[in-house]
Amino acid sequence: MNIVELTREPVADMAPRLEAMTVDEVFAMMDALEKESEHTDRAAQDEVLARIALIQDEIDRRFPGQRLAPYQDWKKSQLLP
């Protein structure tokens, strides 16, 4: 299943999947959801934000006390050629 498909599955099913994902996969999903949130209508916004919150919790679990710094570093590294 690709990242886009995963961002569309029920929120309740995401938590167990996130635990099994690599850090890069979690970060890629977060990036995809951030982009989706920019183009989502208000009706779907709550679901996208719930998914983002779930991924933020997973990042916090993997990187305690670092907030989203590892994700931000990953995003910056994706911009480099």
N, C-alpha and C. Protein backbone atom coordinates (compact mmCIF):
# COMPACT_ATOMS: atom_id res chain seq x y z
N MET A 1 0.85 -1.18 0.00
CA MET A 1 0.00 0.00 0.00
C MET A 1 0.89 1.23 0.00
N ASN A 2 0.59 2.19 -0.86
CA ASN A 2 1.43 3.38 -0.92
C ASN A 2 0.95 4.43 0.09
N ILE A 3 1.73 5.49 0.23
CA ILE A 3 1.46 6.53 1.24
C ILE A 3 0.10 7.17 1.01
N VAL A 4 -0.23 7.49 -0.22
CA VAL A 4 -1.51 8.14 -0.50
C VAL A 4 -2.67 7.25 -0.08
N GLU A 5 -2.59 5.96 -0.37
CA GLU A 5 -3.64 5.03 0.05
C GLU A 5 -3.74 4.98 1.58
N LEU A 6 -2.61 4.99 2.25
CA LEU A 6 -2.60 4.94 3.71
C LEU A 6 -3.23 6.18 4.32
N THR A 7 -3.08 7.32 3.67
CA THR A 7 -3.66 8.55 4.23
C THR A 7 -5.18 8.56 4.10
N ARG A 8 -5.73 7.62 3.35
CA ARG A 8 -7.17 7.57 3.15
C ARG A 8 -7.87 6.46 3.94
N GLU A 9 -7.10 5.59 4.58
CA GLU A 9 -7.74 4.52 5.33
C GLU A 9 -8.29 5.08 6.64
N PRO A 10 -9.21 4.35 7.28
CA PRO A 10 -9.80 4.85 8.53
C PRO A 10 -8.74 5.22 9.56
N VAL A 11 -8.98 6.31 10.26
CA VAL A 11 -8.03 6.81 11.25
C VAL A 11 -7.72 5.75 12.30
N ALA A 12 -8.72 5.01 12.72
CA ALA A 12 -8.51 3.98 13.74
C ALA A 12 -7.55 2.88 13.28
N ASP A 13 -7.47 2.66 11.98
CA ASP A 13 -6.58 1.63 11.45
C ASP A 13 -5.14 2.12 11.28
N MET A 14 -4.94 3.43 11.38
CA MET A 14 -3.61 3.99 11.12
C MET A 14 -2.61 3.72 12.24
N ALA A 15 -3.04 3.78 13.49
CA ALA A 15 -2.11 3.66 14.62
C ALA A 15 -1.28 2.37 14.57
N PRO A 16 -1.90 1.21 14.39
CA PRO A 16 -1.07 0.00 14.33
C PRO A 16 -0.13 -0.02 13.13
N ARG A 17 -0.55 0.55 12.03
CA ARG A 17 0.31 0.61 10.84
C ARG A 17 1.50 1.52 11.07
N LEU A 18 1.27 2.64 11.75
CA LEU A 18 2.35 3.59 12.00
C LEU A 18 3.47 2.96 12.80
N GLU A 19 3.12 2.14 13.76
CA GLU A 19 4.13 1.49 14.61
C GLU A 19 5.07 0.61 13.79
N ALA A 20 4.55 0.03 12.71
CA ALA A 20 5.36 -0.88 11.89
C ALA A 20 6.13 -0.17 10.79
N MET A 21 5.86 1.11 10.58
CA MET A 21 6.51 1.86 9.49
C MET A 21 7.91 2.32 9.88
N THR A 22 8.73 2.51 8.85
CA THR A 22 10.04 3.10 9.08
C THR A 22 9.85 4.60 9.35
N VAL A 23 10.90 5.21 9.85
CA VAL A 23 10.85 6.66 10.10
C VAL A 23 10.58 7.41 8.80
N ASP A 24 11.24 7.02 7.72
CA ASP A 24 11.02 7.69 6.43
C ASP A 24 9.57 7.56 5.97
N GLU A 25 8.97 6.41 6.19
CA GLU A 25 7.57 6.22 5.80
C GLU A 25 6.64 7.10 6.63
N VAL A 26 6.90 7.19 7.92
CA VAL A 26 6.08 8.05 8.79
C VAL A 26 6.22 9.51 8.35
N PHE A 27 7.46 9.93 8.08
CA PHE A 27 7.68 11.31 7.66
C PHE A 27 7.04 11.58 6.30
N ALA A 28 7.12 10.63 5.40
CA ALA A 28 6.51 10.80 4.08
C ALA A 28 4.99 10.91 4.20
N MET A 29 4.41 10.15 5.12
CA MET A 29 2.96 10.23 5.32
C MET A 29 2.59 11.60 5.90
N MET A 30 3.39 12.08 6.84
CA MET A 30 3.13 13.40 7.42
C MET A 30 3.20 14.47 6.34
N ASP A 31 4.19 14.38 5.49
CA ASP A 31 4.35 15.34 4.39
C ASP A 31 3.14 15.30 3.46
N ALA A 32 2.70 14.10 3.11
CA ALA A 32 1.54 13.96 2.22
C ALA A 32 0.28 14.54 2.87
N LEU A 33 0.11 14.31 4.16
CA LEU A 33 -1.07 14.85 4.84
C LEU A 33 -1.01 16.37 4.96
N GLU A 34 0.17 16.91 5.20
CA GLU A 34 0.30 18.37 5.24
C GLU A 34 -0.11 18.98 3.91
N LYS A 35 0.36 18.38 2.82
CA LYS A 35 0.00 18.87 1.49
C LYS A 35 -1.49 18.72 1.24
N GLU A 36 -2.05 17.59 1.67
CA GLU A 36 -3.49 17.36 1.50
C GLU A 36 -4.30 18.38 2.28
N SER A 37 -3.83 18.73 3.48
CA SER A 37 -4.58 19.68 4.31
C SER A 37 -4.67 21.06 3.67
N GLU A 38 -3.70 21.38 2.83
CA GLU A 38 -3.71 22.67 2.15
C GLU A 38 -4.77 22.75 1.05
N HIS A 39 -5.20 21.57 0.58
CA HIS A 39 -6.13 21.54 -0.55
C HIS A 39 -7.45 20.84 -0.21
N THR A 40 -7.71 20.66 1.06
CA THR A 40 -8.91 19.95 1.50
C THR A 40 -10.01 20.95 1.86
N ASP A 41 -11.22 20.60 1.49
CA ASP A 41 -12.34 21.47 1.87
C ASP A 41 -12.62 21.33 3.36
N ARG A 42 -13.39 22.24 3.88
CA ARG A 42 -13.63 22.27 5.33
C ARG A 42 -14.29 20.99 5.84
N ALA A 43 -15.11 20.37 5.04
CA ALA A 43 -15.81 19.16 5.48
C ALA A 43 -14.83 18.02 5.79
N ALA A 44 -13.76 17.92 5.04
CA ALA A 44 -12.79 16.84 5.24
C ALA A 44 -11.62 17.27 6.12
N GLN A 45 -11.54 18.53 6.48
CA GLN A 45 -10.40 19.05 7.24
C GLN A 45 -10.21 18.36 8.58
N ASP A 46 -11.30 18.09 9.30
CA ASP A 46 -11.18 17.46 10.62
C ASP A 46 -10.53 16.08 10.53
N GLU A 47 -10.87 15.32 9.50
CA GLU A 47 -10.30 13.99 9.36
C GLU A 47 -8.81 14.08 9.04
N VAL A 48 -8.43 15.00 8.19
CA VAL A 48 -7.01 15.17 7.85
C VAL A 48 -6.24 15.61 9.10
N LEU A 49 -6.80 16.52 9.86
CA LEU A 49 -6.13 16.99 11.07
C LEU A 49 -6.02 15.88 12.12
N ALA A 50 -7.00 15.00 12.18
CA ALA A 50 -6.93 13.86 13.10
C ALA A 50 -5.79 12.93 12.70
N ARG A 51 -5.61 12.73 11.41
CA ARG A 51 -4.51 11.88 10.93
C ARG A 51 -3.15 12.52 11.23
N ILE A 52 -3.07 13.83 11.03
CA ILE A 52 -1.83 14.55 11.33
C ILE A 52 -1.50 14.44 12.83
N ALA A 53 -2.51 14.61 13.68
CA ALA A 53 -2.29 14.50 15.12
C ALA A 53 -1.80 13.10 15.50
N LEU A 54 -2.33 12.09 14.86
CA LEU A 54 -1.91 10.72 15.12
C LEU A 54 -0.44 10.52 14.74
N ILE A 55 -0.05 11.08 13.61
CA ILE A 55 1.34 10.96 13.18
C ILE A 55 2.26 11.78 14.08
N GLN A 56 1.80 12.94 14.52
CA GLN A 56 2.60 13.73 15.46
C GLN A 56 2.85 12.94 16.74
N ASP A 57 1.83 12.24 17.21
CA ASP A 57 1.99 11.41 18.40
C ASP A 57 3.03 10.31 18.17
N GLU A 58 2.99 9.71 16.98
CA GLU A 58 3.96 8.65 16.66
C GLU A 58 5.38 9.22 16.60
N ILE A 59 5.54 10.40 16.02
CA ILE A 59 6.86 11.03 15.96
C ILE A 59 7.34 11.35 17.38
N ASP A 60 6.45 11.87 18.22
CA ASP A 60 6.81 12.15 19.62
C ASP A 60 7.21 10.88 20.36
N ARG A 61 6.54 9.77 20.04
CA ARG A 61 6.86 8.50 20.69
C ARG A 61 8.25 8.02 20.28
N ARG A 62 8.58 8.20 19.02
CA ARG A 62 9.88 7.75 18.51
C ARG A 62 11.03 8.68 18.89
N PHE A 63 10.72 9.96 19.02
CA PHE A 63 11.74 10.97 19.32
C PHE A 63 11.29 11.79 20.52
N PRO A 64 11.29 11.20 21.71
CA PRO A 64 10.78 11.91 22.89
C PRO A 64 11.52 13.22 23.15
N GLY A 65 10.73 14.23 23.45
CA GLY A 65 11.28 15.52 23.81
C GLY A 65 11.81 16.35 22.65
N GLN A 66 11.77 15.82 21.44
CA GLN A 66 12.30 16.55 20.30
C GLN A 66 11.21 17.23 19.47
N ARG A 67 9.99 17.04 19.91
CA ARG A 67 8.84 17.60 19.19
C ARG A 67 8.89 17.16 17.74
N LEU A 68 8.80 18.05 16.80
CA LEU A 68 8.81 17.67 15.38
C LEU A 68 10.14 17.98 14.71
N ALA A 69 11.17 18.26 15.49
CA ALA A 69 12.48 18.60 14.91
C ALA A 69 13.01 17.54 13.95
N PRO A 70 12.92 16.25 14.26
CA PRO A 70 13.42 15.25 13.31
C PRO A 70 12.65 15.29 11.98
N TYR A 71 11.37 15.54 12.05
CA TYR A 71 10.57 15.64 10.83
C TYR A 71 10.97 16.88 10.03
N GLN A 72 11.16 17.99 10.70
CA GLN A 72 11.56 19.23 10.01
C GLN A 72 12.93 19.04 9.35
N ASP A 73 13.84 18.37 10.03
CA ASP A 73 15.16 18.09 9.44
C ASP A 73 15.00 17.20 8.22
N TRP A 74 14.14 16.21 8.30
CA TRP A 74 13.89 15.32 7.17
C TRP A 74 13.34 16.10 5.98
N LYS A 75 12.39 17.00 6.25
CA LYS A 75 11.82 17.82 5.17
C LYS A 75 12.88 18.65 4.48
N LYS A 76 13.76 19.24 5.26
CA LYS A 76 14.84 20.04 4.68
C LYS A 76 15.75 19.17 3.81
N SER A 77 16.02 17.96 4.27
CA SER A 77 16.90 17.09 3.50
C SER A 77 16.26 16.64 2.19
N GLN A 78 14.94 16.64 2.12
CA GLN A 78 14.23 16.26 0.90
C GLN A 78 14.33 17.33 -0.19
N LEU A 79 14.63 18.55 0.23
CA LEU A 79 14.73 19.66 -0.72
C LEU A 79 16.07 19.69 -1.43
N LEU A 80 17.06 19.02 -0.84
CA LEU A 80 18.40 19.01 -1.44
C LEU A 80 18.44 18.05 -2.62
N PRO A 81 19.21 18.38 -3.68
CA PRO A 81 19.28 17.49 -4.85
C PRO A 81 20.00 16.20 -4.57
